[in-house]
C-alpha cells in the first residue's frame, strides 16, 4: 500500500493543506480521518470544507453523526465515534455513492460499510501545534491526487 506523509507546524498549515485537497476532490470521493482526540480531525475537515466552497461554520457532528453542507459539491461530514459497538445502518452507502464529498471521522467504527476506494488519512500529534499526516490512497485516482497534493 502506498503511503504519503507530510508534516505541518500549525493548525493553520494543517487547514491550508486540507483546503488544497478540497479543491482537488470530486463527486463521490470518500475520505476517512483517524487520530486521537485533539489530533486535528475537525481542523482538517474545516479546511476541506473551505476548499469545497462551503461558507457555513463547520464543526464536529459528534452528537448528530452526520452534517451536510453546501459548496461547489455537497460536503457530508460524519463523526461515527458514537457508533462504536453499534450495528445500526444509517444509510452510509447513499452518502458514499452520492454527488458530494464524504469525510468520516473515526471511520474504523464503520469499517464494514466503507467503500474500497477511498483516501485514508491518519493525523498524529508531534507536539502542541505540529502534526504528521499519513495519506493511504485506496485507488489509482487517490494515488494521483496525493501526488498532485504533495507536489
Protein backbone atom coordinates (compact mmCIF):
# COMPACT_ATOMS: atom_id res chain seq x y z
CA UNK A 1 0.00 0.00 0.00
CA UNK A 2 1.35 3.42 -0.95
CA UNK A 3 1.80 5.97 1.78
CA UNK A 4 2.37 9.71 1.56
CA UNK A 5 3.48 11.68 4.61
CA UNK A 6 3.52 15.40 5.34
CA UNK A 7 4.36 17.37 8.47
CA UNK A 8 2.56 20.57 9.42
CA UNK A 9 3.66 23.01 12.10
CA UNK A 10 0.37 24.75 12.97
CA UNK A 11 -3.41 24.32 12.80
CA UNK A 12 -3.42 26.94 10.03
CA UNK A 13 -0.95 24.93 7.98
CA UNK A 14 -2.99 21.75 8.51
CA UNK A 15 -6.13 23.60 7.43
CA UNK A 16 -4.40 25.03 4.35
CA UNK A 17 -3.26 21.55 3.29
CA UNK A 18 -6.82 20.27 3.67
CA UNK A 19 -8.18 23.28 1.76
CA UNK A 20 -5.85 22.48 -1.15
CA UNK A 21 -7.06 18.86 -1.04
CA UNK A 22 -10.69 20.04 -1.00
CA UNK A 23 -10.08 21.91 -4.25
CA UNK A 24 -8.92 18.66 -5.90
CA UNK A 25 -11.82 16.44 -4.78
CA UNK A 26 -14.72 15.35 -6.94
CA UNK A 27 -18.21 13.93 -6.58
CA UNK A 28 -18.31 10.58 -4.83
CA UNK A 29 -14.92 10.95 -3.14
CA UNK A 30 -14.72 9.43 0.34
CA UNK A 31 -12.05 10.30 2.89
CA UNK A 32 -11.56 8.73 6.28
CA UNK A 33 -9.88 10.51 9.18
CA UNK A 34 -8.27 8.75 12.11
CA UNK A 35 -6.39 10.20 15.05
CA UNK A 36 -6.61 10.65 18.78
CA UNK A 37 -8.88 13.24 20.40
CA UNK A 38 -7.41 16.66 19.66
CA UNK A 39 -5.24 15.40 16.79
CA UNK A 40 -6.82 17.82 14.32
CA UNK A 41 -9.52 15.84 12.52
CA UNK A 42 -12.06 18.65 12.76
CA UNK A 43 -9.44 21.27 11.82
CA UNK A 44 -8.70 19.18 8.75
CA UNK A 45 -12.42 18.84 7.94
CA UNK A 46 -12.89 22.61 8.19
CA UNK A 47 -10.07 23.11 5.68
CA UNK A 48 -11.62 20.56 3.31
CA UNK A 49 -14.95 22.35 3.54
CA UNK A 50 -13.29 25.65 2.70
CA UNK A 51 -11.65 24.05 -0.33
CA UNK A 52 -15.07 22.81 -1.41
CA UNK A 53 -16.52 26.32 -1.19
CA UNK A 54 -18.54 25.78 1.99
CA UNK A 55 -19.21 29.14 3.66
CA UNK A 56 -21.08 27.93 6.76
CA UNK A 57 -19.25 27.27 10.01
CA UNK A 58 -18.14 23.63 10.12
CA UNK A 59 -17.91 21.87 13.46
CA UNK A 60 -17.75 18.30 14.62
CA UNK A 61 -21.02 16.39 14.15
CA UNK A 62 -20.34 14.32 17.29
CA UNK A 63 -23.93 14.34 18.54
CA UNK A 64 -25.71 14.35 15.18
CA UNK A 65 -23.43 11.80 13.45
CA UNK A 66 -23.81 13.43 10.00
CA UNK A 67 -23.86 17.10 8.96
CA UNK A 68 -24.45 18.26 5.40
CA UNK A 69 -23.09 21.46 3.89
CA UNK A 70 -23.49 23.14 0.51
CA UNK A 71 -20.48 24.18 -1.54
CA UNK A 72 -19.34 23.60 -5.13
CA UNK A 73 -20.16 19.99 -4.18
CA UNK A 74 -22.21 18.80 -1.22
CA UNK A 75 -19.97 18.10 1.78
CA UNK A 76 -21.03 15.29 4.12
CA UNK A 77 -19.16 15.39 7.43
CA UNK A 78 -19.58 12.29 9.61
CA UNK A 79 -18.32 11.63 13.11
CA UNK A 80 -19.12 7.99 13.86
CA UNK A 81 -17.38 7.82 17.25
CA UNK A 82 -20.71 7.22 19.00
CA UNK A 83 -21.42 4.21 16.77
CA UNK A 84 -18.78 2.04 18.45
CA UNK A 85 -20.35 -1.35 19.23
CA UNK A 86 -23.41 -0.45 17.13
CA UNK A 87 -24.79 -2.39 14.20
CA UNK A 88 -27.02 0.50 13.17
CA UNK A 89 -27.06 1.24 9.43
CA UNK A 90 -27.63 4.94 8.84
CA UNK A 91 -27.62 4.71 5.05
CA UNK A 92 -23.91 5.38 4.67
CA UNK A 93 -23.83 3.91 1.16
CA UNK A 94 -26.22 6.62 -0.06
CA UNK A 95 -23.72 9.27 1.01
CA UNK A 96 -20.68 7.38 -0.31
CA UNK A 97 -22.27 6.92 -3.73
CA UNK A 98 -23.76 10.40 -3.84
CA UNK A 99 -22.87 13.60 -5.64
CA UNK A 100 -20.83 15.02 -2.80
CA UNK A 101 -17.62 14.52 -0.87
CA UNK A 102 -17.84 12.48 2.33
CA UNK A 103 -15.44 12.73 5.25
CA UNK A 104 -15.72 10.16 8.03
CA UNK A 105 -14.03 10.79 11.38
CA UNK A 106 -13.35 7.65 13.49
CA UNK A 107 -14.03 5.58 10.37
CA UNK A 108 -12.72 2.33 11.86
CA UNK A 109 -16.02 2.06 13.75
CA UNK A 110 -17.88 1.53 10.45
CA UNK A 111 -15.13 -0.29 8.54
CA UNK A 112 -17.58 -2.80 7.05
CA UNK A 113 -19.62 0.00 5.46
CA UNK A 114 -16.73 1.91 3.87
CA UNK A 115 -16.15 1.79 0.11
CA UNK A 116 -12.99 0.06 -1.05
CA UNK A 117 -11.90 3.16 -2.99
CA UNK A 118 -11.16 5.95 -0.55
CA UNK A 119 -8.42 8.13 0.85
CA UNK A 120 -7.49 7.09 4.36
CA UNK A 121 -5.82 9.83 6.41
CA UNK A 122 -4.20 9.43 9.82
CA UNK A 123 -3.33 12.53 11.83
CA UNK A 124 -0.87 12.30 14.72
CA UNK A 125 0.31 14.95 17.16
CA UNK A 126 4.01 15.69 17.18
CA UNK A 127 3.73 18.48 19.74
CA UNK A 128 1.24 21.20 20.72
CA UNK A 129 0.77 22.50 17.16
CA UNK A 130 2.77 20.20 14.88
CA UNK A 131 1.12 17.24 13.19
CA UNK A 132 2.20 14.40 10.94
CA UNK A 133 -0.36 13.32 8.36
CA UNK A 134 -0.19 9.95 6.64
CA UNK A 135 -2.22 9.52 3.45
CA UNK A 136 -3.10 5.96 2.36
CA UNK A 137 -4.75 6.11 -1.08
CA UNK A 138 -7.02 3.13 -1.78
CA UNK A 139 -7.25 3.59 -5.56
CA UNK A 140 -5.22 4.85 -8.50
CA UNK A 141 -7.29 8.04 -8.51
CA UNK A 142 -6.29 8.82 -4.93
CA UNK A 143 -2.63 7.94 -5.60
CA UNK A 144 -2.64 10.53 -8.40
CA UNK A 145 -4.47 13.02 -6.19
CA UNK A 146 -1.91 12.58 -3.36
CA UNK A 147 0.97 13.14 -5.78
CA UNK A 148 -0.68 16.34 -7.01
CA UNK A 149 -1.44 17.50 -3.46
CA UNK A 150 2.09 16.96 -2.18
CA UNK A 151 3.94 18.14 -5.31
